[in-house]
Amino acid sequence: MPGHEHVHGPDCDHDHDHDHDHDHEHVHGPDCDHDHGPAPFVRTAPKIGRNDPCPCGSGKKFKKCHDA
């Protein structure tokens, strides 16, 4: 619409339908206390490559020893 510079957002007070979730207006951050399911897996040790020596000490490549 020419001359209409208003951008409709969550705080728009015009008389028309908005598809906004007014019950949930915060942004999820590190202090969010909502249940978002299980935390993602975080590796504590470096990843062992298939061609790296097996950590069991056999002298074989990981892919030929404990990766099989």
PDB file of N, CA and C in Angstrom:
ATOM      1  N   MET A   1       0.839  -1.175   0.000  1.00  0.00           N
ATOM      2  CA  MET A   1       0.000   0.000   0.000  1.00  0.00           C
ATOM      3  C   MET A   1       0.883   1.237   0.000  1.00  0.00           C
ATOM      4  N   PRO A   2       0.748   2.103  -0.963  1.00  0.00           N
ATOM      5  CA  PRO A   2       1.562   3.317  -1.011  1.00  0.00           C
ATOM      6  C   PRO A   2       1.281   4.206   0.192  1.00  0.00           C
ATOM      7  N   GLY A   3       2.332   4.785   0.743  1.00  0.00           N
ATOM      8  CA  GLY A   3       2.184   5.689   1.880  1.00  0.00           C
ATOM      9  C   GLY A   3       1.991   4.974   3.203  1.00  0.00           C
ATOM     10  N   HIS A   4       1.975   3.653   3.204  1.00  0.00           N
ATOM     11  CA  HIS A   4       1.781   2.886   4.435  1.00  0.00           C
ATOM     12  C   HIS A   4       3.117   2.287   4.838  1.00  0.00           C
ATOM     13  N   GLU A   5       3.840   2.942   5.751  1.00  0.00           N
ATOM     14  CA  GLU A   5       5.190   2.526   6.115  1.00  0.00           C
ATOM     15  C   GLU A   5       5.230   1.643   7.345  1.00  0.00           C
ATOM     16  N   HIS A   6       4.084   1.395   7.960  1.00  0.00           N
ATOM     17  CA  HIS A   6       4.041   0.596   9.179  1.00  0.00           C
ATOM     18  C   HIS A   6       4.319  -0.876   8.869  1.00  0.00           C
ATOM     19  N   VAL A   7       5.213  -1.474   9.627  1.00  0.00           N
ATOM     20  CA  VAL A   7       5.481  -2.899   9.489  1.00  0.00           C
ATOM     21  C   VAL A   7       4.760  -3.595  10.633  1.00  0.00           C
ATOM     22  N   HIS A   8       3.948  -4.572  10.310  1.00  0.00           N
ATOM     23  CA  HIS A   8       3.181  -5.273  11.333  1.00  0.00           C
ATOM     24  C   HIS A   8       4.086  -6.247  12.076  1.00  0.00           C
ATOM     25  N   GLY A   9       4.106  -6.141  13.389  1.00  0.00           N
ATOM     26  CA  GLY A   9       4.915  -7.013  14.227  1.00  0.00           C
ATOM     27  C   GLY A   9       4.147  -7.416  15.464  1.00  0.00           C
ATOM     28  N   PRO A  10       4.797  -8.033  16.434  1.00  0.00           N
ATOM     29  CA  PRO A  10       4.095  -8.535  17.615  1.00  0.00           C
ATOM     30  C   PRO A  10       3.468  -7.429  18.466  1.00  0.00           C
ATOM     31  N   ASP A  11       3.947  -6.182  18.370  1.00  0.00           N
ATOM     32  CA  ASP A  11       3.398  -5.094  19.174  1.00  0.00           C
ATOM     33  C   ASP A  11       2.420  -4.223  18.390  1.00  0.00           C
ATOM     34  N   CYS A  12       2.048  -4.638  17.187  1.00  0.00           N
ATOM     35  CA  CYS A  12       1.127  -3.866  16.365  1.00  0.00           C
ATOM     36  C   CYS A  12      -0.229  -3.800  17.049  1.00  0.00           C
ATOM     37  N   ASP A  13      -0.820  -2.592  17.128  1.00  0.00           N
ATOM     38  CA  ASP A  13      -2.111  -2.448  17.807  1.00  0.00           C
ATOM     39  C   ASP A  13      -3.245  -2.137  16.836  1.00  0.00           C
ATOM     40  N   HIS A  14      -3.030  -2.342  15.547  1.00  0.00           N
ATOM     41  CA  HIS A  14      -4.102  -2.138  14.580  1.00  0.00           C
ATOM     42  C   HIS A  14      -5.160  -3.214  14.747  1.00  0.00           C
ATOM     43  N   ASP A  15      -6.354  -2.920  14.288  1.00  0.00           N
ATOM     44  CA  ASP A  15      -7.471  -3.845  14.415  1.00  0.00           C
ATOM     45  C   ASP A  15      -7.499  -4.803  13.227  1.00  0.00           C
ATOM     46  N   HIS A  16      -6.654  -5.836  13.290  1.00  0.00           N
ATOM     47  CA  HIS A  16      -6.660  -6.898  12.293  1.00  0.00           C
ATOM     48  C   HIS A  16      -6.006  -8.119  12.908  1.00  0.00           C
ATOM     49  N   ASP A  17      -6.213  -9.256  12.277  1.00  0.00           N
ATOM     50  CA  ASP A  17      -5.688 -10.503  12.835  1.00  0.00           C
ATOM     51  C   ASP A  17      -4.183 -10.579  12.660  1.00  0.00           C
ATOM     52  N   HIS A  18      -3.526 -11.033  13.708  1.00  0.00           N
ATOM     53  CA  HIS A  18      -2.090 -11.303  13.673  1.00  0.00           C
ATOM     54  C   HIS A  18      -1.889 -12.753  14.054  1.00  0.00           C
ATOM     55  N   ASP A  19      -0.906 -13.373  13.475  1.00  0.00           N
ATOM     56  CA  ASP A  19      -0.579 -14.748  13.830  1.00  0.00           C
ATOM     57  C   ASP A  19       0.632 -14.721  14.753  1.00  0.00           C
ATOM     58  N   HIS A  20       0.414 -14.208  15.963  1.00  0.00           N
ATOM     59  CA  HIS A  20       1.497 -14.101  16.947  1.00  0.00           C
ATOM     60  C   HIS A  20       1.158 -14.936  18.159  1.00  0.00           C
ATOM     61  N   ASP A  21       2.159 -15.485  18.788  1.00  0.00           N
ATOM     62  CA  ASP A  21       1.982 -16.269  19.996  1.00  0.00           C
ATOM     63  C   ASP A  21       2.205 -15.339  21.181  1.00  0.00           C
ATOM     64  N   HIS A  22       1.133 -14.777  21.711  1.00  0.00           N
ATOM     65  CA  HIS A  22       1.259 -13.810  22.798  1.00  0.00           C
ATOM     66  C   HIS A  22       1.557 -14.459  24.134  1.00  0.00           C
ATOM     67  N   ASP A  23       1.373 -15.747  24.264  1.00  0.00           N
ATOM     68  CA  ASP A  23       1.642 -16.423  25.525  1.00  0.00           C
ATOM     69  C   ASP A  23       3.122 -16.721  25.709  1.00  0.00           C
ATOM     70  N   HIS A  24       3.913 -16.568  24.658  1.00  0.00           N
ATOM     71  CA  HIS A  24       5.314 -16.978  24.712  1.00  0.00           C
ATOM     72  C   HIS A  24       6.151 -15.906  24.028  1.00  0.00           C
ATOM     73  N   GLU A  25       6.557 -14.890  24.785  1.00  0.00           N
ATOM     74  CA  GLU A  25       7.218 -13.744  24.172  1.00  0.00           C
ATOM     75  C   GLU A  25       8.705 -13.633  24.486  1.00  0.00           C
ATOM     76  N   HIS A  26       9.303 -14.627  25.159  1.00  0.00           N
ATOM     77  CA  HIS A  26      10.730 -14.502  25.447  1.00  0.00           C
ATOM     78  C   HIS A  26      11.559 -15.318  24.471  1.00  0.00           C
ATOM     79  N   VAL A  27      12.836 -14.988  24.394  1.00  0.00           N
ATOM     80  CA  VAL A  27      13.769 -15.696  23.528  1.00  0.00           C
ATOM     81  C   VAL A  27      14.497 -16.725  24.384  1.00  0.00           C
ATOM     82  N   HIS A  28      14.588 -17.945  23.877  1.00  0.00           N
ATOM     83  CA  HIS A  28      15.264 -18.999  24.635  1.00  0.00           C
ATOM     84  C   HIS A  28      16.757 -18.738  24.673  1.00  0.00           C
ATOM     85  N   GLY A  29      17.328 -18.761  25.846  1.00  0.00           N
ATOM     86  CA  GLY A  29      18.757 -18.523  26.024  1.00  0.00           C
ATOM     87  C   GLY A  29      19.311 -19.468  27.064  1.00  0.00           C
ATOM     88  N   PRO A  30      20.518 -19.217  27.545  1.00  0.00           N
ATOM     89  CA  PRO A  30      21.154 -20.134  28.493  1.00  0.00           C
ATOM     90  C   PRO A  30      20.422 -20.230  29.835  1.00  0.00           C
ATOM     91  N   ASP A  31      19.622 -19.222  30.194  1.00  0.00           N
ATOM     92  CA  ASP A  31      18.910 -19.251  31.474  1.00  0.00           C
ATOM     93  C   ASP A  31      17.459 -19.686  31.325  1.00  0.00           C
ATOM     94  N   CYS A  32      17.059 -20.156  30.146  1.00  0.00           N
ATOM     95  CA  CYS A  32      15.687 -20.589  29.902  1.00  0.00           C
ATOM     96  C   CYS A  32      15.391 -21.818  30.754  1.00  0.00           C
ATOM     97  N   ASP A  33      14.244 -21.831  31.433  1.00  0.00           N
ATOM     98  CA  ASP A  33      13.916 -22.953  32.309  1.00  0.00           C
ATOM     99  C   ASP A  33      12.854 -23.877  31.714  1.00  0.00           C
ATOM    100  N   HIS A  34      12.565 -23.763  30.423  1.00  0.00           N
ATOM    101  CA  HIS A  34      11.619 -24.657  29.773  1.00  0.00           C
ATOM    102  C   HIS A  34      12.283 -25.989  29.474  1.00  0.00           C
ATOM    103  N   ASP A  35      11.479 -27.039  29.362  1.00  0.00           N
ATOM    104  CA  ASP A  35      11.995 -28.362  29.026  1.00  0.00           C
ATOM    105  C   ASP A  35      12.126 -28.461  27.511  1.00  0.00           C
ATOM    106  N   HIS A  36      13.339 -28.533  27.024  1.00  0.00           N
ATOM    107  CA  HIS A  36      13.600 -28.615  25.589  1.00  0.00           C
ATOM    108  C   HIS A  36      14.127 -29.988  25.197  1.00  0.00           C
ATOM    109  N   GLY A  37      13.899 -31.002  26.013  1.00  0.00           N
ATOM    110  CA  GLY A  37      14.344 -32.355  25.699  1.00  0.00           C
ATOM    111  C   GLY A  37      15.765 -32.589  26.189  1.00  0.00           C
ATOM    112  N   PRO A  38      16.324 -33.724  25.840  1.00  0.00           N
ATOM    113  CA  PRO A  38      17.675 -34.052  26.315  1.00  0.00           C
ATOM    114  C   PRO A  38      18.733 -33.148  25.697  1.00  0.00           C
ATOM    115  N   ALA A  39      19.797 -32.934  26.450  1.00  0.00           N
ATOM    116  CA  ALA A  39      20.904 -32.109  25.969  1.00  0.00           C
ATOM    117  C   ALA A  39      21.638 -32.858  24.862  1.00  0.00           C
ATOM    118  N   PRO A  40      22.224 -32.142  23.906  1.00  0.00           N
ATOM    119  CA  PRO A  40      22.967 -32.811  22.839  1.00  0.00           C
ATOM    120  C   PRO A  40      24.224 -33.489  23.377  1.00  0.00           C
ATOM    121  N   PHE A  41      24.652 -34.549  22.690  1.00  0.00           N
ATOM    122  CA  PHE A  41      25.859 -35.274  23.074  1.00  0.00           C
ATOM    123  C   PHE A  41      27.080 -34.390  22.866  1.00  0.00           C
ATOM    124  N   VAL A  42      27.956 -34.348  23.859  1.00  0.00           N
ATOM    125  CA  VAL A  42      29.205 -33.596  23.755  1.00  0.00           C
ATOM    126  C   VAL A  42      30.346 -34.579  23.967  1.00  0.00           C
ATOM    127  N   ARG A  43      31.202 -34.702  22.964  1.00  0.00           N
ATOM    128  CA  ARG A  43      32.333 -35.632  23.041  1.00  0.00           C
ATOM    129  C   ARG A  43      33.362 -35.109  24.042  1.00  0.00           C
ATOM    130  N   THR A  44      33.810 -35.979  24.987  1.00  0.00           N
ATOM    131  CA  THR A  44      34.795 -35.575  25.986  1.00  0.00           C
ATOM    132  C   THR A  44      36.223 -35.890  25.550  1.00  0.00           C
ATOM    133  N   ALA A  45      36.388 -36.879  24.678  1.00  0.00           N
ATOM    134  CA  ALA A  45      37.711 -37.250  24.180  1.00  0.00           C
ATOM    135  C   ALA A  45      37.759 -36.969  22.683  1.00  0.00           C
ATOM    136  N   PRO A  46      38.954 -36.795  22.132  1.00  0.00           N
ATOM    137  CA  PRO A  46      39.033 -36.570  20.682  1.00  0.00           C
ATOM    138  C   PRO A  46      38.511 -37.788  19.912  1.00  0.00           C
ATOM    139  N   LYS A  47      37.897 -37.518  18.766  1.00  0.00           N
ATOM    140  CA  LYS A  47      37.349 -38.590  17.948  1.00  0.00           C
ATOM    141  C   LYS A  47      38.488 -39.428  17.370  1.00  0.00           C
ATOM    142  N   ILE A  48      38.294 -40.754  17.389  1.00  0.00           N
ATOM    143  CA  ILE A  48      39.293 -41.673  16.831  1.00  0.00           C
ATOM    144  C   ILE A  48      38.956 -41.892  15.371  1.00  0.00           C
ATOM    145  N   GLY A  49      39.891 -41.588  14.483  1.00  0.00           N
ATOM    146  CA  GLY A  49      39.699 -41.824  13.056  1.00  0.00           C
ATOM    147  C   GLY A  49      39.836 -43.296  12.729  1.00  0.00           C
ATOM    148  N   ARG A  50      39.200 -43.739  11.679  1.00  0.00           N
ATOM    149  CA  ARG A  50      39.253 -45.160  11.299  1.00  0.00           C
ATOM    150  C   ARG A  50      40.674 -45.610  10.976  1.00  0.00           C
ATOM    151  N   ASN A  51      41.508 -44.700  10.480  1.00  0.00           N
ATOM    152  CA  ASN A  51      42.877 -45.064  10.119  1.00  0.00           C
ATOM    153  C   ASN A  51      43.888 -44.764  11.218  1.00  0.00           C
ATOM    154  N   ASP A  52      43.411 -44.291  12.362  1.00  0.00           N
ATOM    155  CA  ASP A  52      44.306 -44.045  13.499  1.00  0.00           C
ATOM    156  C   ASP A  52      44.617 -45.371  14.196  1.00  0.00           C
ATOM    157  N   PRO A  53      45.751 -45.433  14.912  1.00  0.00           N
ATOM    158  CA  PRO A  53      46.047 -46.646  15.682  1.00  0.00           C
ATOM    159  C   PRO A  53      44.963 -46.879  16.738  1.00  0.00           C
ATOM    160  N   CYS A  54      44.608 -48.136  16.965  1.00  0.00           N
ATOM    161  CA  CYS A  54      43.577 -48.468  17.944  1.00  0.00           C
ATOM    162  C   CYS A  54      44.081 -48.127  19.346  1.00  0.00           C
ATOM    163  N   PRO A  55      43.244 -47.484  20.168  1.00  0.00           N
ATOM    164  CA  PRO A  55      43.682 -47.114  21.516  1.00  0.00           C
ATOM    165  C   PRO A  55      43.874 -48.311  22.454  1.00  0.00           C
ATOM    166  N   CYS A  56      43.498 -49.523  22.027  1.00  0.00           N
ATOM    167  CA  CYS A  56      43.687 -50.695  22.893  1.00  0.00           C
ATOM    168  C   CYS A  56      45.149 -51.131  22.946  1.00  0.00           C
ATOM    169  N   GLY A  57      45.979 -50.594  22.026  1.00  0.00           N
ATOM    170  CA  GLY A  57      47.397 -50.917  22.038  1.00  0.00           C
ATOM    171  C   GLY A  57      47.781 -52.113  21.182  1.00  0.00           C
ATOM    172  N   SER A  58      46.889 -52.601  20.349  1.00  0.00           N
ATOM    173  CA  SER A  58      47.168 -53.778  19.520  1.00  0.00           C
ATOM    174  C   SER A  58      48.148 -53.475  18.386  1.00  0.00           C
ATOM    175  N   GLY A  59      48.278 -52.189  18.027  1.00  0.00           N
ATOM    176  CA  GLY A  59      49.124 -51.813  16.910  1.00  0.00           C
ATOM    177  C   GLY A  59      48.380 -51.829  15.587  1.00  0.00           C
ATOM    178  N   LYS A  60      47.145 -52.310  15.581  1.00  0.00           N
ATOM    179  CA  LYS A  60      46.336 -52.327  14.362  1.00  0.00           C
ATOM    180  C   LYS A  60      45.630 -50.986  14.200  1.00  0.00           C
ATOM    181  N   LYS A  61      45.179 -50.719  12.964  1.00  0.00           N
ATOM    182  CA  LYS A  61      44.339 -49.551  12.746  1.00  0.00           C
ATOM    183  C   LYS A  61      43.011 -49.790  13.451  1.00  0.00           C
ATOM    184  N   PHE A  62      42.399 -48.708  13.897  1.00  0.00           N
ATOM    185  CA  PHE A  62      41.127 -48.792  14.614  1.00  0.00           C
ATOM    186  C   PHE A  62      40.075 -49.530  13.791  1.00  0.00           C
ATOM    187  N   LYS A  63      40.039 -49.275  12.460  1.00  0.00           N
ATOM    188  CA  LYS A  63      39.011 -49.900  11.620  1.00  0.00           C
ATOM    189  C   LYS A  63      39.180 -51.415  11.522  1.00  0.00           C
ATOM    190  N   LYS A  64      40.392 -51.929  11.735  1.00  0.00           N
ATOM    191  CA  LYS A  64      40.648 -53.374  11.669  1.00  0.00           C
ATOM    192  C   LYS A  64      40.598 -54.040  13.046  1.00  0.00           C
ATOM    193  N   CYS A  65      40.425 -53.233  14.079  1.00  0.00           N
ATOM    194  CA  CYS A  65      40.453 -53.785  15.442  1.00  0.00           C
ATOM    195  C   CYS A  65      39.086 -53.599  16.119  1.00  0.00           C
ATOM    196  N   HIS A  66      38.893 -52.524  16.836  1.00  0.00           N
ATOM    197  CA  HIS A  66      37.671 -52.332  17.617  1.00  0.00           C
ATOM    198  C   HIS A  66      36.539 -51.633  16.862  1.00  0.00           C
ATOM    199  N   ASP A  67      36.764 -51.157  15.651  1.00  0.00           N
ATOM    200  CA  ASP A  67      35.702 -50.542  14.872  1.00  0.00           C
ATOM    201  C   ASP A  67      34.899 -51.583  14.116  1.00  0.00           C
ATOM    202  N   ALA A  68      35.439 -52.798  14.019  1.00  0.00           N
ATOM    203  CA  ALA A  68      34.804 -53.845  13.204  1.00  0.00           C
ATOM    204  C   ALA A  68      33.517 -54.356  13.825  1.00  0.00           C
TER     205      ALA A  68
END
